[in-house]
């Protein structure tokens, strides 16, 4: 029986696509964290302004 040849191009392409996908997912999570941080800091500053005026 012959052994199947290892197709390095497919292996490298799969690894590259997985690497890119991980980077994209991490970027989306980073943007979500930035957005939620901005929302929370606006809520905190609005609450502080409201508490200090009364």
PDB file of N, CA and C in Angstrom:
ATOM      1  N   UNK A   1       0.837  -1.182   0.000  1.00  0.00           N
ATOM      2  CA  UNK A   1       0.000   0.000   0.000  1.00  0.00           C
ATOM      3  C   UNK A   1       0.877   1.238   0.000  1.00  0.00           C
ATOM      4  N   UNK A   2       0.460   2.182  -0.802  1.00  0.00           N
ATOM      5  CA  UNK A   2       1.205   3.445  -0.856  1.00  0.00           C
ATOM      6  C   UNK A   2       0.671   4.403   0.196  1.00  0.00           C
ATOM      7  N   UNK A   3       1.595   5.176   0.753  1.00  0.00           N
ATOM      8  CA  UNK A   3       1.181   6.191   1.704  1.00  0.00           C
ATOM      9  C   UNK A   3       0.772   7.449   0.939  1.00  0.00           C
ATOM     10  N   UNK A   4      -0.236   8.099   1.452  1.00  0.00           N
ATOM     11  CA  UNK A   4      -0.682   9.341   0.826  1.00  0.00           C
ATOM     12  C   UNK A   4       0.362  10.422   1.078  1.00  0.00           C
ATOM     13  N   UNK A   5       0.623  11.211   0.059  1.00  0.00           N
ATOM     14  CA  UNK A   5       1.602  12.283   0.185  1.00  0.00           C
ATOM     15  C   UNK A   5       1.033  13.389   1.066  1.00  0.00           C
ATOM     16  N   UNK A   6       1.885  13.939   1.896  1.00  0.00           N
ATOM     17  CA  UNK A   6       1.478  15.041   2.759  1.00  0.00           C
ATOM     18  C   UNK A   6       1.402  16.300   1.912  1.00  0.00           C
ATOM     19  N   UNK A   7       0.266  16.940   1.940  1.00  0.00           N
ATOM     20  CA  UNK A   7       0.086  18.164   1.158  1.00  0.00           C
ATOM     21  C   UNK A   7       0.347  19.353   2.070  1.00  0.00           C
ATOM     22  N   UNK A   8       1.593  19.808   2.060  1.00  0.00           N
ATOM     23  CA  UNK A   8       2.011  20.877   2.952  1.00  0.00           C
ATOM     24  C   UNK A   8       1.304  22.188   2.645  1.00  0.00           C
ATOM     25  N   UNK A   9       0.938  22.390   1.389  1.00  0.00           N
ATOM     26  CA  UNK A   9       0.233  23.637   1.064  1.00  0.00           C
ATOM     27  C   UNK A   9      -1.109  23.705   1.780  1.00  0.00           C
ATOM     28  N   UNK A  10      -1.821  22.594   1.836  1.00  0.00           N
ATOM     29  CA  UNK A  10      -3.107  22.578   2.539  1.00  0.00           C
ATOM     30  C   UNK A  10      -2.921  22.767   4.036  1.00  0.00           C
ATOM     31  N   UNK A  11      -1.881  22.154   4.591  1.00  0.00           N
ATOM     32  CA  UNK A  11      -1.625  22.276   6.030  1.00  0.00           C
ATOM     33  C   UNK A  11      -1.274  23.715   6.373  1.00  0.00           C
ATOM     34  N   UNK A  12      -0.393  24.320   5.610  1.00  0.00           N
ATOM     35  CA  UNK A  12       0.021  25.699   5.881  1.00  0.00           C
ATOM     36  C   UNK A  12      -1.124  26.676   5.664  1.00  0.00           C
ATOM     37  N   UNK A  13      -1.933  26.447   4.652  1.00  0.00           N
ATOM     38  CA  UNK A  13      -3.089  27.308   4.409  1.00  0.00           C
ATOM     39  C   UNK A  13      -4.091  27.213   5.559  1.00  0.00           C
ATOM     40  N   UNK A  14      -4.323  26.005   6.047  1.00  0.00           N
ATOM     41  CA  UNK A  14      -5.232  25.821   7.170  1.00  0.00           C
ATOM     42  C   UNK A  14      -4.708  26.518   8.421  1.00  0.00           C
ATOM     43  N   UNK A  15      -3.424  26.396   8.696  1.00  0.00           N
ATOM     44  CA  UNK A  15      -2.840  27.057   9.862  1.00  0.00           C
ATOM     45  C   UNK A  15      -2.900  28.572   9.728  1.00  0.00           C
ATOM     46  N   UNK A  16      -2.643  29.078   8.531  1.00  0.00           N
ATOM     47  CA  UNK A  16      -2.693  30.526   8.319  1.00  0.00           C
ATOM     48  C   UNK A  16      -4.113  31.049   8.490  1.00  0.00           C
ATOM     49  N   UNK A  17      -5.086  30.335   7.969  1.00  0.00           N
ATOM     50  CA  UNK A  17      -6.480  30.762   8.112  1.00  0.00           C
ATOM     51  C   UNK A  17      -6.921  30.736   9.570  1.00  0.00           C
ATOM     52  N   UNK A  18      -6.492  29.724  10.305  1.00  0.00           N
ATOM     53  CA  UNK A  18      -6.841  29.666  11.729  1.00  0.00           C
ATOM     54  C   UNK A  18      -6.193  30.819  12.489  1.00  0.00           C
ATOM     55  N   UNK A  19      -4.948  31.130  12.166  1.00  0.00           N
ATOM     56  CA  UNK A  19      -4.252  32.232  12.820  1.00  0.00           C
ATOM     57  C   UNK A  19      -4.963  33.557  12.547  1.00  0.00           C
ATOM     58  N   UNK A  20      -5.329  33.779  11.293  1.00  0.00           N
ATOM     59  CA  UNK A  20      -6.032  35.007  10.927  1.00  0.00           C
ATOM     60  C   UNK A  20      -7.391  35.073  11.620  1.00  0.00           C
ATOM     61  N   UNK A  21      -8.087  33.934  11.690  1.00  0.00           N
ATOM     62  CA  UNK A  21      -9.397  33.907  12.341  1.00  0.00           C
ATOM     63  C   UNK A  21      -9.272  34.239  13.828  1.00  0.00           C
ATOM     64  N   UNK A  22      -8.242  33.728  14.480  1.00  0.00           N
ATOM     65  CA  UNK A  22      -8.033  34.028  15.902  1.00  0.00           C
ATOM     66  C   UNK A  22      -7.758  35.517  16.087  1.00  0.00           C
ATOM     67  N   UNK A  23      -6.937  36.101  15.214  1.00  0.00           N
ATOM     68  CA  UNK A  23      -6.628  37.530  15.304  1.00  0.00           C
ATOM     69  C   UNK A  23      -7.899  38.362  15.096  1.00  0.00           C
ATOM     70  N   UNK A  24      -8.733  37.981  14.152  1.00  0.00           N
ATOM     71  CA  UNK A  24      -9.975  38.713  13.895  1.00  0.00           C
ATOM     72  C   UNK A  24     -10.912  38.621  15.093  1.00  0.00           C
ATOM     73  N   UNK A  25     -11.056  37.433  15.665  1.00  0.00           N
ATOM     74  CA  UNK A  25     -11.934  37.263  16.822  1.00  0.00           C
ATOM     75  C   UNK A  25     -11.419  38.078  17.998  1.00  0.00           C
ATOM     76  N   UNK A  26     -10.119  38.063  18.247  1.00  0.00           N
ATOM     77  CA  UNK A  26      -9.552  38.854  19.331  1.00  0.00           C
ATOM     78  C   UNK A  26      -9.745  40.348  19.088  1.00  0.00           C
ATOM     79  N   UNK A  27      -9.658  40.782  17.839  1.00  0.00           N
ATOM     80  CA  UNK A  27      -9.898  42.187  17.512  1.00  0.00           C
ATOM     81  C   UNK A  27     -11.336  42.592  17.778  1.00  0.00           C
ATOM     82  N   UNK A  28     -12.276  41.721  17.435  1.00  0.00           N
ATOM     83  CA  UNK A  28     -13.686  42.005  17.694  1.00  0.00           C
ATOM     84  C   UNK A  28     -13.943  42.081  19.195  1.00  0.00           C
ATOM     85  N   UNK A  29     -13.344  41.171  19.959  1.00  0.00           N
ATOM     86  CA  UNK A  29     -13.503  41.213  21.413  1.00  0.00           C
ATOM     87  C   UNK A  29     -12.895  42.486  21.997  1.00  0.00           C
ATOM     88  N   UNK A  30     -11.755  42.919  21.447  1.00  0.00           N
ATOM     89  CA  UNK A  30     -11.126  44.148  21.934  1.00  0.00           C
ATOM     90  C   UNK A  30     -12.026  45.347  21.663  1.00  0.00           C
ATOM     91  N   UNK A  31     -12.618  45.413  20.485  1.00  0.00           N
ATOM     92  CA  UNK A  31     -13.532  46.511  20.167  1.00  0.00           C
ATOM     93  C   UNK A  31     -14.755  46.492  21.081  1.00  0.00           C
ATOM     94  N   UNK A  32     -15.263  45.292  21.391  1.00  0.00           N
ATOM     95  CA  UNK A  32     -16.407  45.189  22.293  1.00  0.00           C
ATOM     96  C   UNK A  32     -16.036  45.682  23.689  1.00  0.00           C
ATOM     97  N   UNK A  33     -14.814  45.360  24.126  1.00  0.00           N
ATOM     98  CA  UNK A  33     -14.374  45.840  25.435  1.00  0.00           C
ATOM     99  C   UNK A  33     -14.220  47.352  25.450  1.00  0.00           C
ATOM    100  N   UNK A  34     -13.684  47.923  24.378  1.00  0.00           N
ATOM    101  CA  UNK A  34     -13.571  49.384  24.289  1.00  0.00           C
ATOM    102  C   UNK A  34     -14.950  50.031  24.356  1.00  0.00           C
ATOM    103  N   UNK A  35     -15.908  49.480  23.611  1.00  0.00           N
ATOM    104  CA  UNK A  35     -17.256  50.047  23.579  1.00  0.00           C
ATOM    105  C   UNK A  35     -17.925  49.946  24.944  1.00  0.00           C
ATOM    106  N   UNK A  36     -17.827  48.786  25.575  1.00  0.00           N
ATOM    107  CA  UNK A  36     -18.470  48.641  26.883  1.00  0.00           C
ATOM    108  C   UNK A  36     -17.784  49.517  27.926  1.00  0.00           C
ATOM    109  N   UNK A  37     -16.476  49.688  27.827  1.00  0.00           N
ATOM    110  CA  UNK A  37     -15.774  50.578  28.743  1.00  0.00           C
ATOM    111  C   UNK A  37     -16.200  52.017  28.573  1.00  0.00           C
ATOM    112  N   UNK A  38     -16.412  52.439  27.335  1.00  0.00           N
ATOM    113  CA  UNK A  38     -16.867  53.802  27.083  1.00  0.00           C
ATOM    114  C   UNK A  38     -18.278  54.016  27.635  1.00  0.00           C
ATOM    115  N   UNK A  39     -19.126  53.031  27.467  1.00  0.00           N
ATOM    116  CA  UNK A  39     -20.495  53.143  27.970  1.00  0.00           C
ATOM    117  C   UNK A  39     -20.500  53.218  29.493  1.00  0.00           C
ATOM    118  N   UNK A  40     -19.717  52.354  30.133  1.00  0.00           N
ATOM    119  CA  UNK A  40     -19.679  52.343  31.599  1.00  0.00           C
ATOM    120  C   UNK A  40     -19.100  53.643  32.133  1.00  0.00           C
ATOM    121  N   UNK A  41     -18.042  54.153  31.508  1.00  0.00           N
ATOM    122  CA  UNK A  41     -17.452  55.395  32.003  1.00  0.00           C
ATOM    123  C   UNK A  41     -18.412  56.579  31.806  1.00  0.00           C
ATOM    124  N   UNK A  42     -19.201  56.567  30.724  1.00  0.00           N
ATOM    125  CA  UNK A  42     -20.209  57.626  30.548  1.00  0.00           C
ATOM    126  C   UNK A  42     -21.294  57.526  31.604  1.00  0.00           C
ATOM    127  N   UNK A  43     -21.714  56.307  31.923  1.00  0.00           N
ATOM    128  CA  UNK A  43     -22.734  56.138  32.956  1.00  0.00           C
ATOM    129  C   UNK A  43     -22.208  56.583  34.316  1.00  0.00           C
ATOM    130  N   UNK A  44     -20.974  56.259  34.617  1.00  0.00           N
ATOM    131  CA  UNK A  44     -20.396  56.654  35.908  1.00  0.00           C
ATOM    132  C   UNK A  44     -20.259  58.170  35.986  1.00  0.00           C
ATOM    133  N   UNK A  45     -19.779  58.792  34.910  1.00  0.00           N
ATOM    134  CA  UNK A  45     -19.622  60.246  34.941  1.00  0.00           C
ATOM    135  C   UNK A  45     -20.982  60.945  35.010  1.00  0.00           C
ATOM    136  N   UNK A  46     -21.994  60.404  34.338  1.00  0.00           N
ATOM    137  CA  UNK A  46     -23.338  60.993  34.413  1.00  0.00           C
ATOM    138  C   UNK A  46     -23.904  60.840  35.816  1.00  0.00           C
ATOM    139  N   UNK A  47     -23.642  59.723  36.446  1.00  0.00           N
ATOM    140  CA  UNK A  47     -24.139  59.512  37.811  1.00  0.00           C
ATOM    141  C   UNK A  47     -23.429  60.446  38.789  1.00  0.00           C
ATOM    142  N   UNK A  48     -22.127  60.647  38.593  1.00  0.00           N
ATOM    143  CA  UNK A  48     -21.380  61.562  39.459  1.00  0.00           C
ATOM    144  C   UNK A  48     -21.865  63.011  39.279  1.00  0.00           C
ATOM    145  N   UNK A  49     -22.118  63.390  38.029  1.00  0.00           N
ATOM    146  CA  UNK A  49     -22.623  64.747  37.780  1.00  0.00           C
ATOM    147  C   UNK A  49     -23.996  64.939  38.389  1.00  0.00           C
ATOM    148  N   UNK A  50     -24.818  63.905  38.291  1.00  0.00           N
ATOM    149  CA  UNK A  50     -26.162  64.000  38.857  1.00  0.00           C
ATOM    150  C   UNK A  50     -26.130  64.043  40.374  1.00  0.00           C
ATOM    151  N   UNK A  51     -25.227  63.315  40.994  1.00  0.00           N
ATOM    152  CA  UNK A  51     -25.140  63.287  42.455  1.00  0.00           C
ATOM    153  C   UNK A  51     -24.528  64.571  42.998  1.00  0.00           C
ATOM    154  N   UNK A  52     -23.598  65.166  42.266  1.00  0.00           N
ATOM    155  CA  UNK A  52     -22.941  66.363  42.765  1.00  0.00           C
ATOM    156  C   UNK A  52     -23.827  67.610  42.615  1.00  0.00           C
ATOM    157  N   UNK A  53     -24.771  67.591  41.674  1.00  0.00           N
ATOM    158  CA  UNK A  53     -25.615  68.767  41.465  1.00  0.00           C
ATOM    159  C   UNK A  53     -26.750  68.854  42.484  1.00  0.00           C
ATOM    160  N   UNK A  54     -27.086  67.735  43.127  1.00  0.00           N
ATOM    161  CA  UNK A  54     -28.190  67.778  44.100  1.00  0.00           C
ATOM    162  C   UNK A  54     -27.695  67.934  45.519  1.00  0.00           C
TER     163      UNK A  54
END
